[in-house]
Amino acid sequence: MNEEKLAIDTLNALGVKDVTTNRQKNNGTTMFELPTGDTVAEFNSGYIRRYLMSKHVITKRKYNTCYQLNPTYDVDWKSINHDGELMEHVNKARVLIYSRAERLKRLVSYAIKKINKSNG
């Protein structure tokens, strides 16, 4: 059994539902709804996101805001401002996960954490 199938079977066993639309599937996106009501998605671009949903009067479901679940790393950033001074900052960048199996494994870990937290 390959890692992707094992991760999907684990998500199903946890009560996670695949709510992917045909358009998302064609774009390489898979969206899941956790038993807690959270919605998460994995993208073939390497991102994993959690969506916050709000009820809309007409559509009843709408995804408003998303949060990145990818790990981060620090990136040094430099620029010269309008006064000619060198400005230095440290920004965060996202680690892209190109392996679908790895993205799904991270979603399994996230789902377990959220389900355990909701059960107290």
N, C-alpha and C. Protein backbone atom coordinates (compact mmCIF):
# COMPACT_ATOMS: atom_id res chain seq x y z
N MET A 1 0.85 -1.17 0.00
CA MET A 1 0.00 0.00 0.00
C MET A 1 0.90 1.24 0.00
N ASN A 2 0.64 2.16 -0.90
CA ASN A 2 1.51 3.34 -0.95
C ASN A 2 1.11 4.36 0.12
N GLU A 3 2.00 5.33 0.33
CA GLU A 3 1.83 6.30 1.42
C GLU A 3 0.60 7.18 1.23
N GLU A 4 0.30 7.57 -0.01
CA GLU A 4 -0.87 8.41 -0.27
C GLU A 4 -2.15 7.69 0.12
N LYS A 5 -2.27 6.44 -0.31
CA LYS A 5 -3.47 5.66 0.00
C LYS A 5 -3.60 5.45 1.50
N LEU A 6 -2.50 5.18 2.18
CA LEU A 6 -2.51 4.99 3.62
C LEU A 6 -2.96 6.27 4.32
N ALA A 7 -2.46 7.42 3.88
CA ALA A 7 -2.86 8.69 4.50
C ALA A 7 -4.34 8.97 4.27
N ILE A 8 -4.84 8.71 3.06
CA ILE A 8 -6.26 8.95 2.77
C ILE A 8 -7.13 7.99 3.58
N ASP A 9 -6.72 6.74 3.70
CA ASP A 9 -7.46 5.78 4.52
C ASP A 9 -7.48 6.21 5.98
N THR A 10 -6.37 6.76 6.47
CA THR A 10 -6.30 7.25 7.84
C THR A 10 -7.24 8.44 8.03
N LEU A 11 -7.26 9.35 7.06
CA LEU A 11 -8.18 10.49 7.15
C LEU A 11 -9.63 10.01 7.18
N ASN A 12 -9.96 9.04 6.33
CA ASN A 12 -11.32 8.49 6.32
C ASN A 12 -11.66 7.85 7.66
N ALA A 13 -10.72 7.13 8.25
CA ALA A 13 -10.95 6.50 9.55
C ALA A 13 -11.17 7.54 10.65
N LEU A 14 -10.58 8.72 10.49
CA LEU A 14 -10.75 9.80 11.47
C LEU A 14 -12.08 10.54 11.27
N GLY A 15 -12.81 10.20 10.23
CA GLY A 15 -14.08 10.87 9.97
C GLY A 15 -13.96 12.10 9.10
N VAL A 16 -12.84 12.23 8.41
CA VAL A 16 -12.61 13.37 7.52
C VAL A 16 -13.28 13.08 6.18
N LYS A 17 -14.02 14.08 5.65
CA LYS A 17 -14.73 13.90 4.39
C LYS A 17 -14.01 14.64 3.26
N ASP A 18 -13.93 14.01 2.13
CA ASP A 18 -13.39 14.65 0.93
C ASP A 18 -14.50 15.49 0.32
N VAL A 19 -14.32 16.81 0.29
CA VAL A 19 -15.34 17.72 -0.24
C VAL A 19 -14.82 18.45 -1.48
N THR A 20 -13.94 17.80 -2.22
CA THR A 20 -13.33 18.38 -3.40
C THR A 20 -14.36 18.53 -4.52
N THR A 21 -14.40 19.70 -5.13
CA THR A 21 -15.27 19.91 -6.28
C THR A 21 -14.55 19.42 -7.53
N ASN A 22 -15.29 19.25 -8.62
CA ASN A 22 -14.67 18.82 -9.88
C ASN A 22 -13.64 19.83 -10.35
N ARG A 23 -13.92 21.10 -10.21
CA ARG A 23 -12.98 22.14 -10.63
C ARG A 23 -11.69 22.07 -9.83
N GLN A 24 -11.81 21.88 -8.51
CA GLN A 24 -10.63 21.75 -7.67
C GLN A 24 -9.82 20.51 -8.07
N LYS A 25 -10.51 19.42 -8.29
CA LYS A 25 -9.83 18.17 -8.67
C LYS A 25 -9.05 18.37 -9.97
N ASN A 26 -9.66 19.05 -10.95
CA ASN A 26 -8.98 19.31 -12.22
C ASN A 26 -7.75 20.20 -12.04
N ASN A 27 -7.77 21.06 -11.01
CA ASN A 27 -6.64 21.93 -10.73
C ASN A 27 -5.59 21.29 -9.84
N GLY A 28 -5.83 20.06 -9.40
CA GLY A 28 -4.86 19.37 -8.55
C GLY A 28 -5.01 19.68 -7.08
N THR A 29 -6.18 20.14 -6.67
CA THR A 29 -6.46 20.48 -5.28
C THR A 29 -7.34 19.40 -4.67
N THR A 30 -7.09 19.08 -3.41
CA THR A 30 -7.96 18.18 -2.67
C THR A 30 -8.39 18.90 -1.40
N MET A 31 -9.69 18.98 -1.15
CA MET A 31 -10.21 19.67 0.02
C MET A 31 -10.91 18.67 0.92
N PHE A 32 -10.66 18.82 2.23
CA PHE A 32 -11.22 17.92 3.23
C PHE A 32 -11.95 18.72 4.29
N GLU A 33 -13.02 18.13 4.82
CA GLU A 33 -13.73 18.72 5.96
C GLU A 33 -13.52 17.81 7.16
N LEU A 34 -12.96 18.38 8.23
CA LEU A 34 -12.71 17.62 9.44
C LEU A 34 -14.00 17.47 10.24
N PRO A 35 -14.09 16.48 11.13
CA PRO A 35 -15.27 16.34 11.98
C PRO A 35 -15.50 17.56 12.87
N THR A 36 -14.48 18.36 13.09
CA THR A 36 -14.60 19.56 13.92
C THR A 36 -15.25 20.71 13.16
N GLY A 37 -15.43 20.55 11.83
CA GLY A 37 -15.99 21.61 11.01
C GLY A 37 -14.93 22.40 10.26
N ASP A 38 -13.67 22.21 10.61
CA ASP A 38 -12.58 22.88 9.90
C ASP A 38 -12.47 22.31 8.48
N THR A 39 -12.03 23.14 7.56
CA THR A 39 -11.80 22.71 6.19
C THR A 39 -10.34 22.95 5.86
N VAL A 40 -9.68 21.92 5.32
CA VAL A 40 -8.28 22.01 4.95
C VAL A 40 -8.13 21.55 3.50
N ALA A 41 -7.09 22.04 2.86
CA ALA A 41 -6.86 21.67 1.47
C ALA A 41 -5.38 21.48 1.21
N GLU A 42 -5.08 20.59 0.28
CA GLU A 42 -3.70 20.42 -0.17
C GLU A 42 -3.68 20.67 -1.67
N PHE A 43 -2.64 21.39 -2.10
CA PHE A 43 -2.53 21.84 -3.48
C PHE A 43 -1.29 21.24 -4.12
N ASN A 44 -1.36 20.93 -5.42
CA ASN A 44 -0.18 20.37 -6.08
C ASN A 44 0.94 21.40 -6.21
N SER A 45 0.66 22.67 -5.90
CA SER A 45 1.70 23.70 -5.90
C SER A 45 2.61 23.58 -4.68
N GLY A 46 2.22 22.74 -3.70
CA GLY A 46 3.06 22.52 -2.52
C GLY A 46 2.50 23.14 -1.25
N TYR A 47 1.35 23.79 -1.32
CA TYR A 47 0.79 24.44 -0.14
C TYR A 47 -0.24 23.56 0.54
N ILE A 48 -0.38 23.79 1.86
CA ILE A 48 -1.43 23.19 2.67
C ILE A 48 -2.09 24.36 3.39
N ARG A 49 -3.41 24.44 3.32
CA ARG A 49 -4.11 25.58 3.92
C ARG A 49 -5.31 25.12 4.74
N ARG A 50 -5.61 25.93 5.74
CA ARG A 50 -6.82 25.75 6.54
C ARG A 50 -7.74 26.91 6.21
N TYR A 51 -9.00 26.62 5.94
CA TYR A 51 -9.97 27.65 5.56
C TYR A 51 -10.92 27.92 6.70
N LEU A 52 -11.23 29.19 6.90
CA LEU A 52 -12.28 29.59 7.82
C LEU A 52 -13.52 29.86 7.01
N MET A 53 -14.61 29.30 7.44
CA MET A 53 -15.84 29.44 6.69
C MET A 53 -16.79 30.35 7.43
N SER A 54 -17.55 31.12 6.68
CA SER A 54 -18.63 31.90 7.27
C SER A 54 -19.87 31.66 6.45
N LYS A 55 -20.99 31.70 7.08
CA LYS A 55 -22.25 31.46 6.38
C LYS A 55 -22.63 32.70 5.58
N HIS A 56 -22.99 32.48 4.36
CA HIS A 56 -23.43 33.55 3.48
C HIS A 56 -24.92 33.35 3.24
N VAL A 57 -25.66 34.43 3.19
CA VAL A 57 -27.11 34.34 3.07
C VAL A 57 -27.53 33.58 1.82
N ILE A 58 -26.91 33.86 0.70
CA ILE A 58 -27.33 33.25 -0.56
C ILE A 58 -26.63 31.91 -0.80
N THR A 59 -25.30 31.89 -0.72
CA THR A 59 -24.55 30.67 -1.05
C THR A 59 -24.50 29.67 0.09
N LYS A 60 -24.78 30.09 1.30
CA LYS A 60 -24.78 29.29 2.52
C LYS A 60 -23.39 28.85 2.96
N ARG A 61 -22.46 28.65 2.04
CA ARG A 61 -21.08 28.31 2.41
C ARG A 61 -20.15 29.15 1.56
N LYS A 62 -19.20 29.75 2.22
CA LYS A 62 -18.22 30.55 1.49
C LYS A 62 -16.90 30.49 2.26
N TYR A 63 -15.81 30.28 1.54
CA TYR A 63 -14.50 30.25 2.16
C TYR A 63 -13.93 31.65 2.14
N ASN A 64 -13.78 32.25 3.30
CA ASN A 64 -13.32 33.63 3.37
C ASN A 64 -11.81 33.76 3.53
N THR A 65 -11.29 33.18 4.57
CA THR A 65 -9.90 33.38 4.94
C THR A 65 -9.19 32.04 5.00
N CYS A 66 -7.92 32.03 4.62
CA CYS A 66 -7.16 30.80 4.77
C CYS A 66 -5.86 31.08 5.52
N TYR A 67 -5.40 30.05 6.21
CA TYR A 67 -4.14 30.12 6.93
C TYR A 67 -3.22 29.04 6.37
N GLN A 68 -1.97 29.40 6.20
CA GLN A 68 -0.98 28.44 5.70
C GLN A 68 -0.61 27.47 6.81
N LEU A 69 -0.51 26.21 6.47
CA LEU A 69 -0.07 25.18 7.42
C LEU A 69 1.34 24.70 7.10
N ASN A 70 1.94 25.23 6.04
CA ASN A 70 3.30 24.83 5.68
C ASN A 70 4.28 25.33 6.73
N PRO A 71 5.36 24.59 6.96
CA PRO A 71 6.40 25.08 7.85
C PRO A 71 7.04 26.34 7.28
N THR A 72 7.66 27.12 8.14
CA THR A 72 8.29 28.37 7.71
C THR A 72 9.79 28.34 7.99
N TYR A 73 10.50 29.23 7.32
CA TYR A 73 11.92 29.45 7.61
C TYR A 73 12.19 30.94 7.47
N ASP A 74 13.26 31.41 8.11
CA ASP A 74 13.60 32.83 8.09
C ASP A 74 14.41 33.18 6.84
N VAL A 75 14.09 34.35 6.28
CA VAL A 75 14.79 34.85 5.11
C VAL A 75 15.24 36.27 5.41
N ASP A 76 16.54 36.52 5.22
CA ASP A 76 17.05 37.89 5.39
C ASP A 76 16.60 38.73 4.21
N TRP A 77 16.17 39.94 4.49
CA TRP A 77 15.66 40.84 3.46
C TRP A 77 16.31 42.20 3.66
N LYS A 78 16.80 42.79 2.59
CA LYS A 78 17.46 44.09 2.66
C LYS A 78 16.88 45.00 1.60
N SER A 79 16.79 46.29 1.95
CA SER A 79 16.37 47.29 0.98
C SER A 79 16.94 48.64 1.41
N ILE A 80 16.93 49.56 0.49
CA ILE A 80 17.37 50.92 0.80
C ILE A 80 16.13 51.80 0.74
N ASN A 81 15.87 52.51 1.86
CA ASN A 81 14.66 53.33 1.91
C ASN A 81 14.86 54.65 1.16
N HIS A 82 13.84 55.49 1.18
CA HIS A 82 13.88 56.75 0.42
C HIS A 82 14.91 57.74 0.94
N ASP A 83 15.41 57.54 2.18
CA ASP A 83 16.47 58.40 2.74
C ASP A 83 17.86 57.86 2.45
N GLY A 84 17.95 56.75 1.75
CA GLY A 84 19.24 56.16 1.42
C GLY A 84 19.78 55.25 2.50
N GLU A 85 19.00 54.94 3.51
CA GLU A 85 19.45 54.08 4.60
C GLU A 85 19.19 52.61 4.25
N LEU A 86 20.14 51.78 4.61
CA LEU A 86 19.97 50.34 4.41
C LEU A 86 19.05 49.80 5.50
N MET A 87 18.00 49.14 5.09
CA MET A 87 17.04 48.54 6.02
C MET A 87 17.21 47.02 5.93
N GLU A 88 17.29 46.38 7.09
CA GLU A 88 17.43 44.94 7.13
C GLU A 88 16.32 44.34 7.96
N HIS A 89 15.71 43.30 7.46
CA HIS A 89 14.61 42.63 8.15
C HIS A 89 14.79 41.12 8.01
N VAL A 90 14.07 40.42 8.86
CA VAL A 90 13.98 38.97 8.73
C VAL A 90 12.51 38.65 8.46
N ASN A 91 12.23 38.07 7.31
CA ASN A 91 10.88 37.68 6.95
C ASN A 91 10.72 36.17 7.04
N LYS A 92 9.50 35.72 7.03
CA LYS A 92 9.20 34.29 7.01
C LYS A 92 8.85 33.87 5.59
N ALA A 93 9.31 32.72 5.19
CA ALA A 93 8.96 32.14 3.90
C ALA A 93 8.41 30.74 4.15
N ARG A 94 7.59 30.27 3.26
CA ARG A 94 6.96 28.96 3.40
C ARG A 94 7.78 27.88 2.70
N VAL A 95 7.87 26.73 3.37
CA VAL A 95 8.48 25.56 2.76
C VAL A 95 7.40 24.88 1.92
N LEU A 96 7.63 24.79 0.62
CA LEU A 96 6.68 24.11 -0.25
C LEU A 96 6.92 22.61 -0.19
N ILE A 97 5.84 21.86 -0.11
CA ILE A 97 5.91 20.41 0.01
C ILE A 97 5.40 19.83 -1.31
N TYR A 98 6.30 19.42 -2.17
CA TYR A 98 5.91 18.96 -3.50
C TYR A 98 5.43 17.51 -3.52
N SER A 99 5.73 16.76 -2.49
CA SER A 99 5.29 15.37 -2.41
C SER A 99 3.86 15.32 -1.87
N ARG A 100 2.94 14.77 -2.65
CA ARG A 100 1.55 14.69 -2.19
C ARG A 100 1.45 13.80 -0.96
N ALA A 101 2.21 12.73 -0.92
CA ALA A 101 2.19 11.84 0.23
C ALA A 101 2.59 12.59 1.49
N GLU A 102 3.59 13.44 1.40
CA GLU A 102 4.04 14.21 2.56
C GLU A 102 2.98 15.23 2.98
N ARG A 103 2.33 15.89 1.98
CA ARG A 103 1.26 16.85 2.32
C ARG A 103 0.13 16.13 3.04
N LEU A 104 -0.25 14.96 2.56
CA LEU A 104 -1.32 14.20 3.19
C LEU A 104 -0.94 13.74 4.59
N LYS A 105 0.31 13.33 4.79
CA LYS A 105 0.76 12.93 6.13
C LYS A 105 0.66 14.09 7.10
N ARG A 106 1.02 15.30 6.62
CA ARG A 106 0.91 16.48 7.48
C ARG A 106 -0.54 16.82 7.79
N LEU A 107 -1.44 16.58 6.82
CA LEU A 107 -2.86 16.79 7.08
C LEU A 107 -3.40 15.79 8.09
N VAL A 108 -2.90 14.55 8.06
CA VAL A 108 -3.30 13.56 9.05
C VAL A 108 -2.89 14.03 10.43
N SER A 109 -1.66 14.51 10.57
CA SER A 109 -1.18 15.00 11.87
C SER A 109 -2.02 16.18 12.34
N TYR A 110 -2.33 17.09 11.43
CA TYR A 110 -3.13 18.26 11.77
C TYR A 110 -4.54 17.83 12.19
N ALA A 111 -5.13 16.89 11.46
CA ALA A 111 -6.49 16.42 11.78
C ALA A 111 -6.52 15.76 13.16
N ILE A 112 -5.55 14.94 13.46
CA ILE A 112 -5.48 14.29 14.77
C ILE A 112 -5.39 15.33 15.87
N LYS A 113 -4.54 16.32 15.68
CA LYS A 113 -4.38 17.38 16.68
C LYS A 113 -5.68 18.13 16.91
N LYS A 114 -6.37 18.52 15.83
CA LYS A 114 -7.61 19.28 15.95
C LYS A 114 -8.73 18.43 16.56
N ILE A 115 -8.83 17.18 16.17
CA ILE A 115 -9.88 16.30 16.71
C ILE A 115 -9.65 16.08 18.20
N ASN A 116 -8.40 15.81 18.60
CA ASN A 116 -8.09 15.63 20.02
C ASN A 116 -8.39 16.89 20.81
N LYS A 117 -8.08 18.04 20.25
CA LYS A 117 -8.31 19.31 20.96
C LYS A 117 -9.81 19.55 21.13
N SER A 118 -10.61 19.20 20.13
CA SER A 118 -12.05 19.43 20.22
C SER A 118 -12.74 18.45 21.19
N ASN A 119 -12.13 17.28 21.37
CA ASN A 119 -12.70 16.30 22.29
C ASN A 119 -12.31 16.56 23.75
N GLY A 120 -11.45 17.53 23.95
CA GLY A 120 -11.06 17.92 25.31
C GLY A 120 -10.01 17.05 25.83
